[in-house]
Amino acid sequence: MPKKLILASSSPRRRGLLSSLGFEFDVVPAEVNEVPSPHEKPQDFARRVAEKKALVVGERNPQNWIIGADTVVAVEGEILGKPQGKEEAKRMLQRLADREHLVITGYVLLKLAEGKRREGIEETRVKIKYLEEREIDWYINTGEPFDKAGGYAIQGKGAFMVEWIQGSYTNVVGLPLCQIIQHLRDLEIIDIF
């Protein structure tokens, strides 16, 4: 790579998605408050947190390109975070069952030393099948829901419950690769094709 790239995220899923393309980057997690403001729309929240992550890491690395991203699951405008225990996970999965929801990723690419920046929001519509209580209990007992927005992982065991998606699959995993890679190419940060 001609220029240094940093992913401002501790997410192993985001790291895996970028690594799958074969180019190198550093990972520098950004610790930011990920609590929505009252009445904050999911899209605004995802963009704000992504920007905070990028700025926190960018201020320490102004000569580098930084990718900040945040993914949220929203049902009827309500943000579902990462469940903190089995009961919360169960409530989330019951809420998602047999209905559609949005997976929204806000992302910001910036290089503070040059004042350059790109940002965007990607939305994917996801339909979860009707879930029997025993399916929910089984899934919760796998342990998978607890560090995932909305309490499920489309790329893991949770795939069994996803009836369909409309939009970017990688967005649901945590990073809309198509859009991010296009920005990285447009900015001449990478040249992989």
N, C-alpha and C. Protein backbone atom coordinates (compact mmCIF):
# COMPACT_ATOMS: atom_id res chain seq x y z
N MET A 1 0.84 -1.19 0.00
CA MET A 1 0.00 0.00 0.00
C MET A 1 0.88 1.24 0.00
N PRO A 2 0.53 2.22 -0.82
CA PRO A 2 1.34 3.42 -0.89
C PRO A 2 1.19 4.31 0.33
N LYS A 3 0.04 4.23 1.04
CA LYS A 3 -0.20 5.10 2.18
C LYS A 3 -0.68 4.27 3.35
N LYS A 4 -0.38 4.70 4.55
CA LYS A 4 -0.71 3.96 5.76
C LYS A 4 -2.18 4.11 6.11
N LEU A 5 -2.81 2.97 6.42
CA LEU A 5 -4.24 2.93 6.73
C LEU A 5 -4.42 2.34 8.12
N ILE A 6 -5.31 2.94 8.91
CA ILE A 6 -5.59 2.45 10.26
C ILE A 6 -7.10 2.24 10.39
N LEU A 7 -7.47 1.08 10.90
CA LEU A 7 -8.86 0.78 11.23
C LEU A 7 -9.07 1.12 12.70
N ALA A 8 -9.94 2.08 12.97
CA ALA A 8 -10.19 2.55 14.34
C ALA A 8 -11.31 1.71 14.96
N SER A 9 -11.03 0.42 15.15
CA SER A 9 -12.07 -0.48 15.64
C SER A 9 -11.44 -1.71 16.26
N SER A 10 -12.06 -2.20 17.32
CA SER A 10 -11.59 -3.46 17.92
C SER A 10 -12.38 -4.65 17.39
N SER A 11 -13.30 -4.40 16.45
CA SER A 11 -14.16 -5.46 15.94
C SER A 11 -13.38 -6.48 15.12
N PRO A 12 -13.38 -7.74 15.56
CA PRO A 12 -12.71 -8.76 14.74
C PRO A 12 -13.41 -8.96 13.40
N ARG A 13 -14.71 -8.67 13.33
CA ARG A 13 -15.44 -8.81 12.07
C ARG A 13 -14.98 -7.76 11.06
N ARG A 14 -14.83 -6.51 11.48
CA ARG A 14 -14.33 -5.47 10.56
C ARG A 14 -12.91 -5.79 10.12
N ARG A 15 -12.09 -6.21 11.06
CA ARG A 15 -10.71 -6.57 10.74
C ARG A 15 -10.69 -7.70 9.72
N GLY A 16 -11.53 -8.71 9.94
CA GLY A 16 -11.58 -9.84 9.02
C GLY A 16 -12.04 -9.46 7.63
N LEU A 17 -13.03 -8.58 7.55
CA LEU A 17 -13.52 -8.15 6.24
C LEU A 17 -12.42 -7.43 5.46
N LEU A 18 -11.71 -6.50 6.11
CA LEU A 18 -10.64 -5.79 5.41
C LEU A 18 -9.48 -6.73 5.06
N SER A 19 -9.14 -7.61 5.99
CA SER A 19 -8.03 -8.55 5.74
C SER A 19 -8.33 -9.49 4.59
N SER A 20 -9.61 -9.81 4.39
CA SER A 20 -9.98 -10.75 3.34
C SER A 20 -9.58 -10.27 1.95
N LEU A 21 -9.35 -8.97 1.80
CA LEU A 21 -8.96 -8.43 0.51
C LEU A 21 -7.45 -8.45 0.29
N GLY A 22 -6.70 -8.76 1.35
CA GLY A 22 -5.28 -8.97 1.19
C GLY A 22 -4.38 -7.77 1.35
N PHE A 23 -4.90 -6.61 1.69
CA PHE A 23 -3.98 -5.49 1.91
C PHE A 23 -3.78 -5.25 3.39
N GLU A 24 -2.68 -4.55 3.70
CA GLU A 24 -2.27 -4.39 5.08
C GLU A 24 -2.81 -3.09 5.67
N PHE A 25 -3.07 -3.14 6.96
CA PHE A 25 -3.52 -1.97 7.70
C PHE A 25 -3.23 -2.23 9.17
N ASP A 26 -3.21 -1.19 9.95
CA ASP A 26 -3.06 -1.32 11.39
C ASP A 26 -4.43 -1.25 12.04
N VAL A 27 -4.54 -1.81 13.22
CA VAL A 27 -5.77 -1.75 14.00
C VAL A 27 -5.46 -0.97 15.28
N VAL A 28 -6.17 0.13 15.47
CA VAL A 28 -6.02 0.95 16.67
C VAL A 28 -7.42 1.20 17.21
N PRO A 29 -7.84 0.43 18.20
CA PRO A 29 -9.20 0.61 18.73
C PRO A 29 -9.39 2.01 19.32
N ALA A 30 -10.58 2.52 19.14
CA ALA A 30 -10.95 3.83 19.69
C ALA A 30 -12.00 3.62 20.75
N GLU A 31 -11.70 4.04 21.96
CA GLU A 31 -12.67 3.93 23.05
C GLU A 31 -13.51 5.20 23.07
N VAL A 32 -14.76 5.06 22.69
CA VAL A 32 -15.68 6.21 22.70
C VAL A 32 -16.99 5.79 23.35
N ASN A 33 -17.72 6.78 23.81
CA ASN A 33 -19.02 6.54 24.41
C ASN A 33 -20.01 6.18 23.31
N GLU A 34 -20.60 5.00 23.40
CA GLU A 34 -21.53 4.54 22.37
C GLU A 34 -22.95 4.50 22.91
N VAL A 35 -23.38 5.63 23.47
CA VAL A 35 -24.74 5.74 24.00
C VAL A 35 -25.49 6.78 23.18
N PRO A 36 -26.64 6.41 22.62
CA PRO A 36 -27.39 7.39 21.83
C PRO A 36 -27.92 8.53 22.69
N SER A 37 -27.97 9.70 22.11
CA SER A 37 -28.61 10.85 22.77
C SER A 37 -30.12 10.65 22.70
N PRO A 38 -30.85 11.26 23.61
CA PRO A 38 -32.32 11.15 23.54
C PRO A 38 -32.84 11.61 22.17
N HIS A 39 -33.71 10.83 21.59
CA HIS A 39 -34.36 11.14 20.30
C HIS A 39 -33.40 11.14 19.11
N GLU A 40 -32.17 10.63 19.28
CA GLU A 40 -31.21 10.59 18.18
C GLU A 40 -31.61 9.48 17.20
N LYS A 41 -31.67 9.81 15.93
CA LYS A 41 -32.00 8.82 14.91
C LYS A 41 -30.85 7.82 14.78
N PRO A 42 -31.16 6.57 14.45
CA PRO A 42 -30.10 5.56 14.32
C PRO A 42 -29.01 5.96 13.32
N GLN A 43 -29.39 6.56 12.20
CA GLN A 43 -28.41 6.97 11.20
C GLN A 43 -27.47 8.04 11.76
N ASP A 44 -28.04 9.01 12.49
CA ASP A 44 -27.23 10.08 13.07
C ASP A 44 -26.29 9.53 14.14
N PHE A 45 -26.80 8.59 14.94
CA PHE A 45 -25.98 7.98 15.98
C PHE A 45 -24.82 7.21 15.36
N ALA A 46 -25.08 6.38 14.35
CA ALA A 46 -24.02 5.60 13.72
C ALA A 46 -22.96 6.50 13.10
N ARG A 47 -23.39 7.57 12.45
CA ARG A 47 -22.44 8.51 11.83
C ARG A 47 -21.61 9.21 12.91
N ARG A 48 -22.28 9.66 13.98
CA ARG A 48 -21.58 10.39 15.06
C ARG A 48 -20.53 9.51 15.72
N VAL A 49 -20.88 8.27 16.04
CA VAL A 49 -19.92 7.38 16.70
C VAL A 49 -18.77 7.03 15.75
N ALA A 50 -19.06 6.80 14.49
CA ALA A 50 -18.00 6.52 13.51
C ALA A 50 -17.03 7.69 13.43
N GLU A 51 -17.58 8.90 13.41
CA GLU A 51 -16.74 10.09 13.34
C GLU A 51 -15.87 10.23 14.60
N LYS A 52 -16.47 9.98 15.76
CA LYS A 52 -15.70 10.06 17.02
C LYS A 52 -14.55 9.08 17.00
N LYS A 53 -14.83 7.84 16.57
CA LYS A 53 -13.77 6.83 16.51
C LYS A 53 -12.64 7.29 15.59
N ALA A 54 -13.00 7.78 14.41
CA ALA A 54 -11.99 8.23 13.45
C ALA A 54 -11.18 9.40 14.00
N LEU A 55 -11.85 10.34 14.66
CA LEU A 55 -11.15 11.51 15.18
C LEU A 55 -10.23 11.16 16.35
N VAL A 56 -10.69 10.30 17.25
CA VAL A 56 -9.86 9.90 18.39
C VAL A 56 -8.55 9.30 17.90
N VAL A 57 -8.63 8.39 16.94
CA VAL A 57 -7.42 7.75 16.42
C VAL A 57 -6.66 8.70 15.49
N GLY A 58 -7.39 9.49 14.71
CA GLY A 58 -6.76 10.42 13.78
C GLY A 58 -5.95 11.51 14.47
N GLU A 59 -6.41 11.95 15.63
CA GLU A 59 -5.67 12.99 16.36
C GLU A 59 -4.30 12.48 16.81
N ARG A 60 -4.19 11.19 17.07
CA ARG A 60 -2.90 10.60 17.45
C ARG A 60 -2.08 10.18 16.24
N ASN A 61 -2.74 10.10 15.08
CA ASN A 61 -2.08 9.64 13.84
C ASN A 61 -2.51 10.52 12.67
N PRO A 62 -2.20 11.82 12.72
CA PRO A 62 -2.72 12.74 11.70
C PRO A 62 -2.20 12.49 10.29
N GLN A 63 -1.06 11.80 10.16
CA GLN A 63 -0.49 11.53 8.84
C GLN A 63 -1.08 10.28 8.19
N ASN A 64 -1.93 9.57 8.92
CA ASN A 64 -2.48 8.31 8.42
C ASN A 64 -3.94 8.48 8.00
N TRP A 65 -4.36 7.61 7.10
CA TRP A 65 -5.77 7.50 6.77
C TRP A 65 -6.43 6.63 7.83
N ILE A 66 -7.55 7.08 8.33
CA ILE A 66 -8.26 6.39 9.40
C ILE A 66 -9.64 5.98 8.89
N ILE A 67 -10.05 4.76 9.23
CA ILE A 67 -11.43 4.32 8.97
C ILE A 67 -12.11 4.16 10.33
N GLY A 68 -13.16 4.93 10.53
CA GLY A 68 -14.01 4.78 11.71
C GLY A 68 -15.37 4.28 11.25
N ALA A 69 -15.93 3.33 11.97
CA ALA A 69 -17.24 2.79 11.58
C ALA A 69 -18.02 2.40 12.83
N ASP A 70 -19.33 2.48 12.71
CA ASP A 70 -20.20 2.00 13.78
C ASP A 70 -21.45 1.42 13.14
N THR A 71 -21.84 0.25 13.62
CA THR A 71 -23.00 -0.46 13.07
C THR A 71 -24.06 -0.59 14.15
N VAL A 72 -25.30 -0.26 13.78
CA VAL A 72 -26.42 -0.39 14.71
C VAL A 72 -27.54 -1.18 14.05
N VAL A 73 -28.34 -1.80 14.89
CA VAL A 73 -29.55 -2.48 14.46
C VAL A 73 -30.71 -1.64 14.96
N ALA A 74 -31.66 -1.37 14.08
CA ALA A 74 -32.79 -0.51 14.46
C ALA A 74 -34.11 -1.16 14.05
N VAL A 75 -35.05 -1.14 14.98
CA VAL A 75 -36.41 -1.62 14.74
C VAL A 75 -37.34 -0.44 15.00
N GLU A 76 -38.06 -0.03 13.95
CA GLU A 76 -38.99 1.09 14.06
C GLU A 76 -38.33 2.31 14.69
N GLY A 77 -37.10 2.59 14.30
CA GLY A 77 -36.38 3.76 14.79
C GLY A 77 -35.69 3.58 16.12
N GLU A 78 -35.89 2.45 16.80
CA GLU A 78 -35.24 2.20 18.09
C GLU A 78 -33.95 1.42 17.87
N ILE A 79 -32.88 1.90 18.48
CA ILE A 79 -31.58 1.25 18.37
C ILE A 79 -31.50 0.09 19.35
N LEU A 80 -31.11 -1.07 18.83
CA LEU A 80 -30.86 -2.23 19.68
C LEU A 80 -29.35 -2.39 19.78
N GLY A 81 -28.81 -2.24 20.97
CA GLY A 81 -27.37 -2.35 21.16
C GLY A 81 -26.93 -3.79 21.33
N LYS A 82 -25.85 -3.97 22.07
CA LYS A 82 -25.33 -5.31 22.36
C LYS A 82 -25.96 -5.77 23.67
N PRO A 83 -26.60 -6.92 23.67
CA PRO A 83 -27.26 -7.38 24.89
C PRO A 83 -26.26 -7.63 26.02
N GLN A 84 -26.64 -7.24 27.22
CA GLN A 84 -25.77 -7.36 28.37
C GLN A 84 -25.97 -8.65 29.16
N GLY A 85 -26.98 -9.41 28.82
CA GLY A 85 -27.24 -10.66 29.52
C GLY A 85 -28.26 -11.48 28.77
N LYS A 86 -28.56 -12.66 29.28
CA LYS A 86 -29.47 -13.57 28.59
C LYS A 86 -30.87 -12.98 28.44
N GLU A 87 -31.38 -12.33 29.46
CA GLU A 87 -32.74 -11.79 29.38
C GLU A 87 -32.84 -10.68 28.33
N GLU A 88 -31.84 -9.82 28.29
CA GLU A 88 -31.85 -8.75 27.29
C GLU A 88 -31.71 -9.34 25.88
N ALA A 89 -30.86 -10.35 25.74
CA ALA A 89 -30.71 -11.01 24.44
C ALA A 89 -32.03 -11.63 24.00
N LYS A 90 -32.73 -12.25 24.93
CA LYS A 90 -34.01 -12.88 24.61
C LYS A 90 -35.03 -11.84 24.17
N ARG A 91 -35.09 -10.73 24.89
CA ARG A 91 -36.03 -9.65 24.51
C ARG A 91 -35.71 -9.12 23.11
N MET A 92 -34.43 -8.94 22.82
CA MET A 92 -34.04 -8.43 21.49
C MET A 92 -34.44 -9.41 20.40
N LEU A 93 -34.14 -10.68 20.59
CA LEU A 93 -34.45 -11.67 19.56
C LEU A 93 -35.96 -11.82 19.38
N GLN A 94 -36.71 -11.73 20.46
CA GLN A 94 -38.18 -11.77 20.35
C GLN A 94 -38.68 -10.55 19.59
N ARG A 95 -38.03 -9.42 19.80
CA ARG A 95 -38.43 -8.19 19.10
C ARG A 95 -38.12 -8.28 17.60
N LEU A 96 -37.02 -8.93 17.26
CA LEU A 96 -36.62 -9.05 15.85
C LEU A 96 -37.37 -10.14 15.11
N ALA A 97 -37.85 -11.13 15.85
CA ALA A 97 -38.47 -12.31 15.22
C ALA A 97 -39.68 -11.97 14.39
N ASP A 98 -39.72 -12.57 13.20
CA ASP A 98 -40.85 -12.47 12.29
C ASP A 98 -41.12 -11.04 11.83
N ARG A 99 -40.04 -10.27 11.69
CA ARG A 99 -40.20 -8.89 11.20
C ARG A 99 -38.91 -8.41 10.54
N GLU A 100 -39.03 -7.27 9.91
CA GLU A 100 -37.88 -6.64 9.26
C GLU A 100 -37.24 -5.64 10.21
N HIS A 101 -35.94 -5.42 10.01
CA HIS A 101 -35.25 -4.36 10.73
C HIS A 101 -34.16 -3.81 9.81
N LEU A 102 -33.55 -2.73 10.24
CA LEU A 102 -32.46 -2.12 9.49
C LEU A 102 -31.14 -2.34 10.21
N VAL A 103 -30.10 -2.64 9.43
CA VAL A 103 -28.74 -2.62 9.93
C VAL A 103 -28.09 -1.41 9.27
N ILE A 104 -27.60 -0.50 10.09
CA ILE A 104 -27.09 0.79 9.61
C ILE A 104 -25.64 0.93 10.04
N THR A 105 -24.77 1.19 9.08
CA THR A 105 -23.37 1.46 9.39
C THR A 105 -23.04 2.87 8.95
N GLY A 106 -22.55 3.66 9.90
CA GLY A 106 -21.97 4.95 9.57
C GLY A 106 -20.47 4.75 9.46
N TYR A 107 -19.86 5.40 8.47
CA TYR A 107 -18.41 5.28 8.33
C TYR A 107 -17.80 6.62 7.96
N VAL A 108 -16.58 6.83 8.42
CA VAL A 108 -15.83 8.05 8.14
C VAL A 108 -14.39 7.65 7.81
N LEU A 109 -13.89 8.14 6.69
CA LEU A 109 -12.48 8.00 6.33
C LEU A 109 -11.89 9.40 6.39
N LEU A 110 -10.77 9.55 7.09
CA LEU A 110 -10.17 10.88 7.16
C LEU A 110 -8.67 10.81 7.31
N LYS A 111 -8.05 11.90 6.89
CA LYS A 111 -6.61 12.13 7.09
C LYS A 111 -6.49 13.56 7.57
N LEU A 112 -6.31 13.73 8.87
CA LEU A 112 -6.37 15.05 9.47
C LEU A 112 -5.27 15.98 8.97
N ALA A 113 -4.06 15.46 8.73
CA ALA A 113 -2.94 16.30 8.30
C ALA A 113 -3.24 17.01 6.98
N GLU A 114 -4.07 16.39 6.15
CA GLU A 114 -4.40 16.98 4.84
C GLU A 114 -5.82 17.51 4.79
N GLY A 115 -6.56 17.36 5.87
CA GLY A 115 -7.94 17.84 5.90
C GLY A 115 -8.85 17.11 4.94
N LYS A 116 -8.52 15.88 4.63
CA LYS A 116 -9.34 15.11 3.68
C LYS A 116 -10.28 14.19 4.44
N ARG A 117 -11.46 13.99 3.82
CA ARG A 117 -12.49 13.21 4.52
C ARG A 117 -13.53 12.69 3.53
N ARG A 118 -14.00 11.48 3.79
CA ARG A 118 -15.17 10.91 3.11
C ARG A 118 -16.01 10.26 4.19
N GLU A 119 -17.32 10.25 3.99
CA GLU A 119 -18.19 9.60 4.96
C GLU A 119 -19.45 9.12 4.28
N GLY A 120 -20.15 8.25 4.95
CA GLY A 120 -21.39 7.75 4.39
C GLY A 120 -22.16 6.92 5.39
N ILE A 121 -23.35 6.56 4.97
CA ILE A 121 -24.24 5.70 5.74
C ILE A 121 -24.69 4.60 4.80
N GLU A 122 -24.63 3.37 5.26
CA GLU A 122 -25.14 2.25 4.47
C GLU A 122 -26.24 1.56 5.28
N GLU A 123 -27.35 1.27 4.62
CA GLU A 123 -28.47 0.60 5.28
C GLU A 123 -28.80 -0.70 4.56
N THR A 124 -29.02 -1.73 5.34
CA THR A 124 -29.43 -3.02 4.81
C THR A 124 -30.69 -3.45 5.56
N ARG A 125 -31.68 -3.86 4.80
CA ARG A 125 -32.93 -4.36 5.40
C ARG A 125 -32.78 -5.86 5.60
N VAL A 126 -33.14 -6.33 6.78
CA VAL A 126 -32.99 -7.75 7.14
C VAL A 126 -34.33 -8.25 7.68
N LYS A 127 -34.70 -9.44 7.26
CA LYS A 127 -35.92 -10.09 7.76
C LYS A 127 -35.51 -11.32 8.55
N ILE A 128 -35.91 -11.34 9.82
CA ILE A 128 -35.68 -12.50 10.68
C ILE A 128 -36.94 -13.37 10.63
N LYS A 129 -36.75 -14.65 10.55
CA LYS A 129 -37.88 -15.58 10.50
C LYS A 129 -38.61 -15.62 11.84
N TYR A 130 -39.77 -16.27 11.84
CA TYR A 130 -40.45 -16.54 13.10
C TYR A 130 -39.54 -17.45 13.93
N LEU A 131 -39.33 -17.09 15.18
CA LEU A 131 -38.44 -17.88 16.04
C LEU A 131 -39.23 -18.53 17.17
N GLU A 132 -39.09 -19.83 17.29
CA GLU A 132 -39.67 -20.53 18.43
C GLU A 132 -38.82 -20.23 19.66
N GLU A 133 -39.43 -20.31 20.81
CA GLU A 133 -38.71 -20.02 22.05
C GLU A 133 -37.49 -20.92 22.21
N ARG A 134 -37.61 -22.18 21.82
CA ARG A 134 -36.47 -23.09 21.97
C ARG A 134 -35.33 -22.70 21.02
N GLU A 135 -35.66 -22.12 19.86
CA GLU A 135 -34.61 -21.64 18.95
C GLU A 135 -33.87 -20.47 19.57
N ILE A 136 -34.63 -19.56 20.16
CA ILE A 136 -34.03 -18.40 20.82
C ILE A 136 -33.14 -18.86 21.97
N ASP A 137 -33.64 -19.75 22.79
CA ASP A 137 -32.86 -20.25 23.94
C ASP A 137 -31.59 -20.95 23.47
N TRP A 138 -31.71 -21.78 22.44
CA TRP A 138 -30.53 -22.46 21.90
C TRP A 138 -29.49 -21.45 21.45
N TYR A 139 -29.95 -20.45 20.69
CA TYR A 139 -29.01 -19.46 20.15
C TYR A 139 -28.34 -18.67 21.28
N ILE A 140 -29.10 -18.26 22.26
CA ILE A 140 -28.51 -17.53 23.39
C ILE A 140 -27.47 -18.39 24.09
N ASN A 141 -27.75 -19.67 24.25
CA ASN A 141 -26.81 -20.56 24.94
C ASN A 141 -25.53 -20.82 24.15
N THR A 142 -25.50 -20.46 22.87
CA THR A 142 -24.23 -20.56 22.11
C THR A 142 -23.25 -19.48 22.55
N GLY A 143 -23.78 -18.41 23.17
CA GLY A 143 -22.94 -17.29 23.58
C GLY A 143 -22.70 -16.26 22.50
N GLU A 144 -23.16 -16.53 21.31
CA GLU A 144 -22.86 -15.64 20.18
C GLU A 144 -23.52 -14.26 20.27
N PRO A 145 -24.70 -14.11 20.84
CA PRO A 145 -25.38 -12.81 20.79
C PRO A 145 -24.72 -11.67 21.55
N PHE A 146 -23.83 -11.96 22.49
CA PHE A 146 -23.49 -10.97 23.50
C PHE A 146 -22.55 -9.85 23.08
N ASP A 147 -21.85 -9.95 21.99
CA ASP A 147 -21.05 -8.81 21.56
C ASP A 147 -21.47 -8.35 20.16
N LYS A 148 -22.75 -8.56 19.86
CA LYS A 148 -23.28 -8.22 18.54
C LYS A 148 -24.43 -7.24 18.67
N ALA A 149 -24.41 -6.19 17.87
CA ALA A 149 -25.54 -5.26 17.83
C ALA A 149 -26.79 -6.03 17.42
N GLY A 150 -27.86 -5.85 18.17
CA GLY A 150 -29.10 -6.55 17.88
C GLY A 150 -29.14 -7.97 18.38
N GLY A 151 -28.01 -8.47 18.91
CA GLY A 151 -27.99 -9.78 19.51
C GLY A 151 -27.89 -10.96 18.56
N TYR A 152 -27.42 -10.73 17.32
CA TYR A 152 -27.23 -11.87 16.41
C TYR A 152 -26.08 -11.59 15.45
N ALA A 153 -25.53 -12.67 14.88
CA ALA A 153 -24.44 -12.57 13.92
C ALA A 153 -24.84 -13.30 12.64
N ILE A 154 -25.01 -12.55 11.56
CA ILE A 154 -25.40 -13.15 10.29
C ILE A 154 -24.31 -14.07 9.75
N GLN A 155 -23.05 -13.80 10.10
CA GLN A 155 -21.93 -14.59 9.60
C GLN A 155 -21.63 -15.79 10.48
N GLY A 156 -22.41 -15.97 11.54
CA GLY A 156 -22.17 -17.07 12.45
C GLY A 156 -23.37 -17.99 12.56
N LYS A 157 -23.58 -18.51 13.75
CA LYS A 157 -24.70 -19.40 13.99
C LYS A 157 -26.04 -18.71 13.76
N GLY A 158 -26.07 -17.40 13.94
CA GLY A 158 -27.30 -16.63 13.75
C GLY A 158 -27.80 -16.62 12.32
N ALA A 159 -27.01 -17.11 11.38
CA ALA A 159 -27.44 -17.15 9.98
C ALA A 159 -28.73 -17.96 9.81
N PHE A 160 -28.97 -18.92 10.69
CA PHE A 160 -30.15 -19.77 10.55
C PHE A 160 -31.45 -18.98 10.66
N MET A 161 -31.42 -17.83 11.28
CA MET A 161 -32.65 -17.08 11.50
C MET A 161 -32.90 -15.99 10.46
N VAL A 162 -31.93 -15.74 9.60
CA VAL A 162 -32.07 -14.67 8.60
C VAL A 162 -32.80 -15.19 7.39
N GLU A 163 -34.04 -14.73 7.21
CA GLU A 163 -34.87 -15.17 6.10
C GLU A 163 -34.42 -14.54 4.79
N TRP A 164 -34.13 -13.24 4.82
CA TRP A 164 -33.61 -12.56 3.64
C TRP A 164 -32.96 -11.24 4.03
N ILE A 165 -32.13 -10.72 3.12
CA ILE A 165 -31.59 -9.37 3.29
C ILE A 165 -31.77 -8.62 1.98
N GLN A 166 -31.86 -7.31 2.10
CA GLN A 166 -31.92 -6.44 0.94
C GLN A 166 -30.85 -5.38 1.15
N GLY A 167 -29.76 -5.50 0.39
CA GLY A 167 -28.66 -4.57 0.55
C GLY A 167 -27.35 -5.31 0.78
N SER A 168 -26.40 -4.62 1.36
CA SER A 168 -25.04 -5.12 1.54
C SER A 168 -24.94 -6.15 2.66
N TYR A 169 -24.49 -7.35 2.31
CA TYR A 169 -24.25 -8.39 3.32
C TYR A 169 -23.13 -7.96 4.26
N THR A 170 -22.01 -7.42 3.70
CA THR A 170 -20.89 -7.05 4.56
C THR A 170 -21.26 -5.92 5.51
N ASN A 171 -22.23 -5.12 5.14
CA ASN A 171 -22.73 -4.09 6.04
C ASN A 171 -23.32 -4.73 7.30
N VAL A 172 -24.06 -5.82 7.12
CA VAL A 172 -24.67 -6.51 8.26
C VAL A 172 -23.58 -7.12 9.15
N VAL A 173 -22.50 -7.55 8.54
CA VAL A 173 -21.37 -8.10 9.31
C VAL A 173 -20.66 -6.98 10.08
N GLY A 174 -20.64 -5.76 9.53
CA GLY A 174 -20.04 -4.65 10.27
C GLY A 174 -19.31 -3.61 9.46
N LEU A 175 -19.14 -3.81 8.14
CA LEU A 175 -18.43 -2.83 7.33
C LEU A 175 -18.85 -2.98 5.87
N PRO A 176 -19.47 -1.95 5.29
CA PRO A 176 -19.90 -2.05 3.89
C PRO A 176 -18.69 -1.98 2.94
N LEU A 177 -18.12 -3.15 2.64
CA LEU A 177 -16.87 -3.20 1.88
C LEU A 177 -16.94 -2.52 0.53
N CYS A 178 -18.01 -2.73 -0.20
CA CYS A 178 -18.12 -2.14 -1.54
C CYS A 178 -17.92 -0.63 -1.48
N GLN A 179 -18.62 0.02 -0.58
CA GLN A 179 -18.56 1.47 -0.46
C GLN A 179 -17.20 1.92 0.08
N ILE A 180 -16.69 1.25 1.10
CA ILE A 180 -15.39 1.62 1.69
C ILE A 180 -14.28 1.47 0.66
N ILE A 181 -14.25 0.35 -0.04
CA ILE A 181 -13.19 0.12 -1.03
C ILE A 181 -13.26 1.14 -2.15
N GLN A 182 -14.46 1.50 -2.57
CA GLN A 182 -14.58 2.53 -3.62
C GLN A 182 -13.99 3.85 -3.16
N HIS A 183 -14.26 4.25 -1.92
CA HIS A 183 -13.67 5.48 -1.38
C HIS A 183 -12.15 5.36 -1.30
N LEU A 184 -11.65 4.22 -0.83
CA LEU A 184 -10.20 4.04 -0.73
C LEU A 184 -9.53 4.10 -2.10
N ARG A 185 -10.20 3.58 -3.11
CA ARG A 185 -9.66 3.67 -4.47
C ARG A 185 -9.73 5.09 -5.00
N ASP A 186 -10.89 5.76 -4.80
CA ASP A 186 -11.05 7.13 -5.28
C ASP A 186 -10.01 8.07 -4.67
N LEU A 187 -9.68 7.82 -3.41
CA LEU A 187 -8.70 8.64 -2.71
C LEU A 187 -7.26 8.19 -2.97
N GLU A 188 -7.10 7.14 -3.79
CA GLU A 188 -5.80 6.56 -4.13
C GLU A 188 -5.03 6.09 -2.90
N ILE A 189 -5.78 5.59 -1.93
CA ILE A 189 -5.17 5.02 -0.74
C ILE A 189 -4.75 3.59 -1.02
N ILE A 190 -5.55 2.90 -1.82
CA ILE A 190 -5.21 1.54 -2.22
C ILE A 190 -5.30 1.42 -3.74
N ASP A 191 -4.58 0.46 -4.25
CA ASP A 191 -4.64 0.14 -5.67
C ASP A 191 -4.55 -1.38 -5.77
N ILE A 192 -5.68 -2.03 -5.60
CA ILE A 192 -5.66 -3.50 -5.56
C ILE A 192 -6.24 -4.13 -6.82
N PHE A 193 -6.71 -3.29 -7.76
CA PHE A 193 -7.31 -3.87 -8.97
C PHE A 193 -6.59 -3.36 -10.20
